[in-house]
Amino acid sequence: MNNILLFFDISTGEIFIVLVVGFLIFGPKKIPEIARKVGKGMGEIKRATNDIKKEIQDEMNKIENSVRIEEKKIKSNNKESSGYEKVKHIEKYPPEPPEKE
């Protein structure tokens, strides 16, 4: 709660004034109902934020796992082809044109 108050930069006196004005406008019977609705709304926002964070983290984990798998494939290929491989055929680039008869 303190983080929210610091974010909006609201002092204790200002909060008190807002509560008094709310009490005068809505009355004592409506304030608990309004507070409940605000609390539910904040809870839904928090759940949605956590869901988004979880989805992002899951996608990052998938990408990291695929990178690890590719790294393992590359390392295993490097181990299999230890040393220099024999070159059977080397093409010149660009190829020379065929000789005319």
Protein backbone atom coordinates (compact mmCIF):
# COMPACT_ATOMS: atom_id res chain seq x y z
CA MET A 1 0.00 0.00 0.00
CA ASN A 2 2.87 2.36 0.77
CA ASN A 3 4.27 1.80 -2.73
CA ILE A 4 0.98 2.90 -4.27
CA LEU A 5 0.88 6.00 -2.11
CA LEU A 6 4.46 6.87 -2.99
CA PHE A 7 3.65 6.38 -6.66
CA PHE A 8 0.84 8.91 -6.53
CA ASP A 9 2.76 11.10 -4.05
CA ILE A 10 -0.24 11.50 -1.72
CA SER A 11 0.31 12.61 1.85
CA THR A 12 -1.67 11.41 4.88
CA GLY A 13 -3.59 14.69 5.09
CA GLU A 14 -4.68 14.43 1.48
CA ILE A 15 -5.85 10.84 2.00
CA PHE A 16 -7.86 11.97 5.02
CA ILE A 17 -9.53 14.75 2.99
CA VAL A 18 -10.42 12.29 0.21
CA LEU A 19 -11.96 9.90 2.76
CA VAL A 20 -14.01 12.67 4.39
CA VAL A 21 -15.29 13.90 1.01
CA GLY A 22 -16.12 10.32 0.03
CA PHE A 23 -17.95 9.83 3.31
CA LEU A 24 -19.97 13.02 2.74
CA ILE A 25 -20.81 12.18 -0.88
CA PHE A 26 -21.57 8.46 -0.60
CA GLY A 27 -22.61 8.11 3.03
CA PRO A 28 -21.64 5.47 5.57
CA LYS A 29 -23.67 2.67 3.95
CA LYS A 30 -22.11 2.91 0.47
CA ILE A 31 -18.44 3.24 1.51
CA PRO A 32 -17.91 -0.46 2.43
CA GLU A 33 -19.54 -1.51 -0.86
CA ILE A 34 -17.33 0.86 -2.83
CA ALA A 35 -14.24 -0.32 -0.95
CA ARG A 36 -15.15 -3.96 -1.74
CA LYS A 37 -15.50 -3.15 -5.44
CA VAL A 38 -12.20 -1.28 -5.49
CA GLY A 39 -10.51 -4.20 -3.72
CA LYS A 40 -11.95 -6.71 -6.20
CA GLY A 41 -10.83 -4.53 -9.09
CA MET A 42 -7.32 -4.27 -7.71
CA GLY A 43 -7.26 -8.05 -7.20
CA GLU A 44 -8.30 -8.65 -10.82
CA ILE A 45 -5.62 -6.26 -12.05
CA LYS A 46 -3.01 -8.04 -9.93
CA ARG A 47 -4.09 -11.46 -11.24
CA ALA A 48 -4.01 -10.24 -14.84
CA THR A 49 -0.55 -8.76 -14.30
CA ASN A 50 0.69 -12.03 -12.78
CA ASP A 51 -0.78 -14.00 -15.70
CA ILE A 52 1.01 -11.79 -18.20
CA LYS A 53 4.28 -12.11 -16.27
CA LYS A 54 3.85 -15.90 -16.19
CA GLU A 55 3.21 -16.09 -19.94
CA ILE A 56 6.28 -13.97 -20.67
CA GLN A 57 8.41 -16.12 -18.35
CA ASP A 58 7.08 -19.34 -19.97
CA GLU A 59 7.95 -18.05 -23.45
CA MET A 60 11.42 -17.01 -22.28
CA ASN A 61 11.95 -20.49 -20.82
CA LYS A 62 10.88 -22.11 -24.11
CA ILE A 63 13.32 -19.95 -26.05
CA GLU A 64 16.14 -20.68 -23.59
CA ASN A 65 15.45 -24.41 -23.80
CA SER A 66 15.46 -24.38 -27.61
CA VAL A 67 18.76 -22.44 -27.57
CA ARG A 68 20.27 -25.01 -25.18
CA ILE A 69 19.11 -27.86 -27.42
CA GLU A 70 20.65 -26.20 -30.49
CA GLU A 71 23.89 -25.60 -28.57
CA LYS A 72 24.02 -29.28 -27.61
CA LYS A 73 23.44 -30.29 -31.24
CA ILE A 74 26.25 -28.02 -32.39
CA LYS A 75 28.61 -29.32 -29.70
CA SER A 76 27.79 -32.94 -30.56
CA ASN A 77 28.34 -32.24 -34.26
CA ASN A 78 31.68 -30.64 -33.45
CA LYS A 79 32.72 -33.67 -31.41
CA GLU A 80 31.71 -36.05 -34.21
CA SER A 81 33.70 -34.15 -36.81
CA SER A 82 36.90 -33.87 -34.83
CA GLY A 83 39.85 -32.81 -36.92
CA TYR A 84 39.72 -31.74 -40.52
CA GLU A 85 37.40 -33.47 -42.91
CA LYS A 86 38.73 -34.49 -46.28
CA VAL A 87 37.56 -32.27 -49.07
CA LYS A 88 36.51 -34.37 -52.05
CA HIS A 89 35.63 -31.66 -54.52
CA ILE A 90 36.28 -27.96 -54.58
CA GLU A 91 34.34 -25.80 -56.99
CA LYS A 92 35.90 -22.62 -58.16
CA TYR A 93 33.86 -19.54 -57.63
CA PRO A 94 32.76 -18.19 -60.04
CA PRO A 95 32.93 -21.25 -62.27
CA GLU A 96 35.02 -20.91 -65.37
CA PRO A 97 33.14 -20.89 -68.67
CA PRO A 98 33.44 -24.05 -70.77
CA GLU A 99 36.14 -23.98 -73.40
CA LYS A 100 35.03 -23.40 -76.99
CA GLU A 101 35.95 -25.97 -79.59
